[in-house]
């Protein structure tokens, strides 16, 4: 109910809040019918979010490593053949330089 009060305070004084009140009552009824007996498994939710974050971090790290290598190739005037390597070979090189 506090959320409803805060939302009403942010609305213009001439705005009708009847539909907002009906929507809130409707969703509260749906929650009581379908989700009130459900207990969320917080450990598995946190584990899934952590895995997703780790995958995103690994992807960003790999992209940054590829950019670093491409910048080094340009500054040292090495051969451009590095860019014609297949992706798995390039990623293996990046992984080896990171470790």
Protein backbone atom coordinates (compact mmCIF):
# COMPACT_ATOMS: atom_id res chain seq x y z
CA UNK A 1 0.00 0.00 0.00
CA UNK A 2 2.96 2.29 0.61
CA UNK A 3 3.93 1.98 -3.06
CA UNK A 4 0.47 3.11 -4.07
CA UNK A 5 0.69 6.13 -1.77
CA UNK A 6 4.08 7.14 -3.16
CA UNK A 7 2.85 6.75 -6.74
CA UNK A 8 -0.26 8.81 -6.00
CA UNK A 9 1.88 11.58 -4.52
CA UNK A 10 3.92 11.75 -7.73
CA UNK A 11 0.87 12.06 -9.97
CA UNK A 12 -0.80 15.29 -10.90
CA UNK A 13 -3.65 16.26 -8.55
CA UNK A 14 -6.15 16.20 -11.41
CA UNK A 15 -5.20 12.66 -12.52
CA UNK A 16 -7.56 9.81 -11.74
CA UNK A 17 -6.06 7.02 -9.63
CA UNK A 18 -8.99 4.61 -9.86
CA UNK A 19 -7.38 2.48 -12.57
CA UNK A 20 -4.14 2.39 -10.57
CA UNK A 21 -6.01 1.20 -7.50
CA UNK A 22 -7.87 -1.47 -9.51
CA UNK A 23 -4.60 -2.69 -11.04
CA UNK A 24 -2.97 -2.94 -7.62
CA UNK A 25 -5.89 -4.92 -6.22
CA UNK A 26 -5.89 -7.20 -9.26
CA UNK A 27 -2.18 -8.02 -9.00
CA UNK A 28 -2.43 -8.54 -5.26
CA UNK A 29 -5.23 -11.08 -5.85
CA UNK A 30 -3.18 -12.85 -8.53
CA UNK A 31 -0.22 -13.02 -6.18
CA UNK A 32 -2.33 -14.50 -3.39
CA UNK A 33 -3.77 -17.12 -5.74
CA UNK A 34 -0.66 -18.22 -7.63
CA UNK A 35 2.47 -17.20 -5.73
CA UNK A 36 1.69 -16.93 -2.02
CA UNK A 37 2.55 -20.59 -1.34
CA UNK A 38 5.78 -20.50 -3.42
CA UNK A 39 9.07 -20.17 -1.59
CA UNK A 40 11.87 -18.84 -3.81
CA UNK A 41 15.14 -20.74 -3.77
CA UNK A 42 17.47 -17.82 -3.16
CA UNK A 43 20.63 -19.91 -3.35
CA UNK A 44 19.92 -21.14 -6.87
CA UNK A 45 18.83 -17.65 -7.98
CA UNK A 46 22.05 -16.16 -6.63
CA UNK A 47 24.09 -18.95 -8.23
CA UNK A 48 22.46 -18.36 -11.62
CA UNK A 49 23.05 -14.61 -11.41
CA UNK A 50 26.67 -15.16 -10.39
CA UNK A 51 27.29 -17.52 -13.31
CA UNK A 52 25.75 -15.02 -15.71
CA UNK A 53 27.90 -12.23 -14.32
CA UNK A 54 31.05 -14.38 -14.57
CA UNK A 55 30.26 -15.26 -18.19
CA UNK A 56 29.74 -11.60 -19.05
CA UNK A 57 32.99 -10.66 -17.31
CA UNK A 58 34.92 -13.35 -19.19
CA UNK A 59 33.48 -12.12 -22.48
CA UNK A 60 34.42 -8.52 -21.75
CA UNK A 61 37.92 -9.58 -20.66
CA UNK A 62 38.39 -11.48 -23.90
CA UNK A 63 37.23 -8.50 -25.95
CA UNK A 64 39.61 -6.18 -24.11
CA UNK A 65 42.47 -8.62 -24.62
CA UNK A 66 41.73 -8.78 -28.34
CA UNK A 67 41.73 -4.98 -28.51
CA UNK A 68 45.05 -4.81 -26.64
CA UNK A 69 46.64 -7.28 -29.04
CA UNK A 70 45.30 -5.47 -32.09
CA UNK A 71 46.66 -2.19 -30.74
CA UNK A 72 50.07 -3.80 -30.10
CA UNK A 73 50.13 -5.19 -33.63
CA UNK A 74 49.46 -1.77 -35.06
CA UNK A 75 52.12 -0.01 -32.96
CA UNK A 76 54.87 -2.59 -33.52
CA UNK A 77 54.16 -2.78 -37.25
CA UNK A 78 53.97 -6.57 -37.18
CA UNK A 79 52.43 -8.62 -39.89
CA UNK A 80 48.68 -8.38 -40.36
CA UNK A 81 48.50 -12.16 -40.53
CA UNK A 82 47.38 -12.17 -36.89
CA UNK A 83 43.96 -11.00 -38.05
CA UNK A 84 43.64 -13.75 -40.62
CA UNK A 85 43.95 -16.51 -38.00
CA UNK A 86 40.87 -18.60 -37.27
CA UNK A 87 39.00 -17.48 -34.18
CA UNK A 88 39.74 -20.57 -32.03
CA UNK A 89 43.47 -20.12 -32.62
CA UNK A 90 43.28 -16.44 -31.77
CA UNK A 91 41.28 -17.16 -28.59
CA UNK A 92 43.79 -19.83 -27.53
CA UNK A 93 46.61 -17.33 -27.92
CA UNK A 94 44.69 -14.81 -25.87
CA UNK A 95 44.00 -17.34 -23.13
CA UNK A 96 47.67 -18.32 -22.99
CA UNK A 97 48.83 -14.71 -22.73
CA UNK A 98 46.30 -14.02 -19.98
CA UNK A 99 47.48 -16.97 -17.83
